[in-house]
C-alpha cells in the first residue's frame, strides 16, 4: 500500500517506514482515513494520518504525493511540522 502512494521506483526524502511508527489512539476520522496520536521512532509524539487505500483514486494518490513534497519544505511557527509519509 505505501509503495502505491509514495512509489517504489523512487525514495522521497520524507519517506518514513511504518515500523518507525507506534500508533497510540485514534483522534478522528474522515472519508479518506484516520488521524492517530502516536510516536515516531519511539521518541517524538506525532499525529499520524492513516489513509484508507480502498477509498482513493490514482489522482488522489498523486495529489497526496505533491502535498507531501510541499509540506516537507515548510517551516513556520504557526504550522505543524511535517516529518514524513
C-alpha atoms as a PDB file:
ATOM      1  CA  UNK A   1       0.000   0.000   0.000  1.00  0.00           C
ATOM      2  CA  UNK A   2       2.661   2.527   0.987  1.00  0.00           C
ATOM      3  CA  UNK A   3       4.570   1.814  -2.210  1.00  0.00           C
ATOM      4  CA  UNK A   4       1.439   2.619  -4.220  1.00  0.00           C
ATOM      5  CA  UNK A   5       1.138   6.001  -2.516  1.00  0.00           C
ATOM      6  CA  UNK A   6       4.789   7.008  -2.420  1.00  0.00           C
ATOM      7  CA  UNK A   7       6.112   4.997  -5.327  1.00  0.00           C
ATOM      8  CA  UNK A   8       8.519   2.081  -5.168  1.00  0.00           C
ATOM      9  CA  UNK A   9      10.570   3.500  -8.033  1.00  0.00           C
ATOM     10  CA  UNK A  10      11.895   6.495  -6.118  1.00  0.00           C
ATOM     11  CA  UNK A  11      12.626   7.173  -2.476  1.00  0.00           C
ATOM     12  CA  UNK A  12      11.281  10.527  -1.403  1.00  0.00           C
ATOM     13  CA  UNK A  13      13.395  12.194   1.307  1.00  0.00           C
ATOM     14  CA  UNK A  14      10.314  12.438   3.544  1.00  0.00           C
ATOM     15  CA  UNK A  15       9.599   8.685   3.470  1.00  0.00           C
ATOM     16  CA  UNK A  16       9.052   7.055   6.900  1.00  0.00           C
ATOM     17  CA  UNK A  17       8.882   3.282   7.345  1.00  0.00           C
ATOM     18  CA  UNK A  18       5.735   2.013   9.041  1.00  0.00           C
ATOM     19  CA  UNK A  19       7.966   0.154  11.517  1.00  0.00           C
ATOM     20  CA  UNK A  20       9.166   3.577  12.782  1.00  0.00           C
ATOM     21  CA  UNK A  21       5.624   4.484  13.904  1.00  0.00           C
ATOM     22  CA  UNK A  22       3.767   3.456  17.034  1.00  0.00           C
ATOM     23  CA  UNK A  23       0.006   4.063  16.931  1.00  0.00           C
ATOM     24  CA  UNK A  24      -1.431   5.054  20.325  1.00  0.00           C
ATOM     25  CA  UNK A  25      -5.039   6.233  19.947  1.00  0.00           C
ATOM     26  CA  UNK A  26      -7.321   7.393  17.170  1.00  0.00           C
ATOM     27  CA  UNK A  27      -8.030  11.126  17.290  1.00  0.00           C
ATOM     28  CA  UNK A  28     -10.554  11.293  14.470  1.00  0.00           C
ATOM     29  CA  UNK A  29     -11.571  10.010  11.072  1.00  0.00           C
ATOM     30  CA  UNK A  30     -12.835  11.287   7.775  1.00  0.00           C
ATOM     31  CA  UNK A  31     -13.870   9.932   4.411  1.00  0.00           C
ATOM     32  CA  UNK A  32     -10.304   9.099   3.330  1.00  0.00           C
ATOM     33  CA  UNK A  33      -8.828   7.820   6.573  1.00  0.00           C
ATOM     34  CA  UNK A  34      -7.978   8.272  10.223  1.00  0.00           C
ATOM     35  CA  UNK A  35      -5.748  10.506  12.327  1.00  0.00           C
ATOM     36  CA  UNK A  36      -3.892   8.846  15.198  1.00  0.00           C
ATOM     37  CA  UNK A  37      -1.747  10.064  18.077  1.00  0.00           C
ATOM     38  CA  UNK A  38       1.471   8.100  18.226  1.00  0.00           C
ATOM     39  CA  UNK A  39       5.234   8.063  18.372  1.00  0.00           C
ATOM     40  CA  UNK A  40       7.870   8.477  15.679  1.00  0.00           C
ATOM     41  CA  UNK A  41      10.908   6.268  16.302  1.00  0.00           C
ATOM     42  CA  UNK A  42       9.614   5.735  19.875  1.00  0.00           C
ATOM     43  CA  UNK A  43      10.806   9.243  20.791  1.00  0.00           C
ATOM     44  CA  UNK A  44       8.629  12.009  19.418  1.00  0.00           C
ATOM     45  CA  UNK A  45       4.868  12.424  19.881  1.00  0.00           C
ATOM     46  CA  UNK A  46       3.258  12.905  16.462  1.00  0.00           C
ATOM     47  CA  UNK A  47      -0.084  12.899  14.674  1.00  0.00           C
ATOM     48  CA  UNK A  48      -0.299  10.116  12.076  1.00  0.00           C
ATOM     49  CA  UNK A  49      -2.607  10.354   9.063  1.00  0.00           C
ATOM     50  CA  UNK A  50      -3.587   6.819   8.006  1.00  0.00           C
ATOM     51  CA  UNK A  51      -5.202   6.680   4.560  1.00  0.00           C
ATOM     52  CA  UNK A  52      -7.789   4.046   3.596  1.00  0.00           C
ATOM     53  CA  UNK A  53      -6.298   2.846   0.323  1.00  0.00           C
ATOM     54  CA  UNK A  54      -9.599   1.403  -0.908  1.00  0.00           C
ATOM     55  CA  UNK A  55     -11.160   4.864  -0.829  1.00  0.00           C
ATOM     56  CA  UNK A  56      -8.790   6.815  -3.077  1.00  0.00           C
ATOM     57  CA  UNK A  57      -8.055   7.045  -6.769  1.00  0.00           C
ATOM     58  CA  UNK A  58      -4.704   7.304  -8.512  1.00  0.00           C
ATOM     59  CA  UNK A  59      -5.327  11.057  -8.912  1.00  0.00           C
ATOM     60  CA  UNK A  60      -5.775  11.388  -5.132  1.00  0.00           C
ATOM     61  CA  UNK A  61      -2.522   9.485  -4.599  1.00  0.00           C
ATOM     62  CA  UNK A  62      -0.681  11.923  -6.866  1.00  0.00           C
ATOM     63  CA  UNK A  63      -2.251  14.862  -5.011  1.00  0.00           C
ATOM     64  CA  UNK A  64      -1.128  13.375  -1.681  1.00  0.00           C
ATOM     65  CA  UNK A  65       2.427  12.892  -3.006  1.00  0.00           C
ATOM     66  CA  UNK A  66       2.514  16.530  -4.173  1.00  0.00           C
ATOM     67  CA  UNK A  67       1.176  17.700  -0.790  1.00  0.00           C
ATOM     68  CA  UNK A  68       3.950  15.738   0.974  1.00  0.00           C
ATOM     69  CA  UNK A  69       6.623  17.333  -1.204  1.00  0.00           C
ATOM     70  CA  UNK A  70       5.326  20.823  -0.404  1.00  0.00           C
ATOM     71  CA  UNK A  71       4.815  20.201   3.316  1.00  0.00           C
ATOM     72  CA  UNK A  72       8.316  18.748   3.663  1.00  0.00           C
ATOM     73  CA  UNK A  73       9.705  22.179   2.744  1.00  0.00           C
ATOM     74  CA  UNK A  74       7.505  24.331   5.008  1.00  0.00           C
ATOM     75  CA  UNK A  75       8.858  25.803   8.250  1.00  0.00           C
ATOM     76  CA  UNK A  76       6.739  28.293  10.182  1.00  0.00           C
ATOM     77  CA  UNK A  77       5.877  28.701  13.881  1.00  0.00           C
ATOM     78  CA  UNK A  78       2.140  28.620  13.099  1.00  0.00           C
ATOM     79  CA  UNK A  79       2.288  25.351  11.125  1.00  0.00           C
ATOM     80  CA  UNK A  80       2.585  21.797  12.377  1.00  0.00           C
ATOM     81  CA  UNK A  81       5.960  20.385  11.298  1.00  0.00           C
ATOM     82  CA  UNK A  82       5.709  17.660   8.641  1.00  0.00           C
ATOM     83  CA  UNK A  83       8.041  14.770   9.463  1.00  0.00           C
ATOM     84  CA  UNK A  84       7.289  12.424   6.590  1.00  0.00           C
ATOM     85  CA  UNK A  85       4.939   9.976   4.927  1.00  0.00           C
END
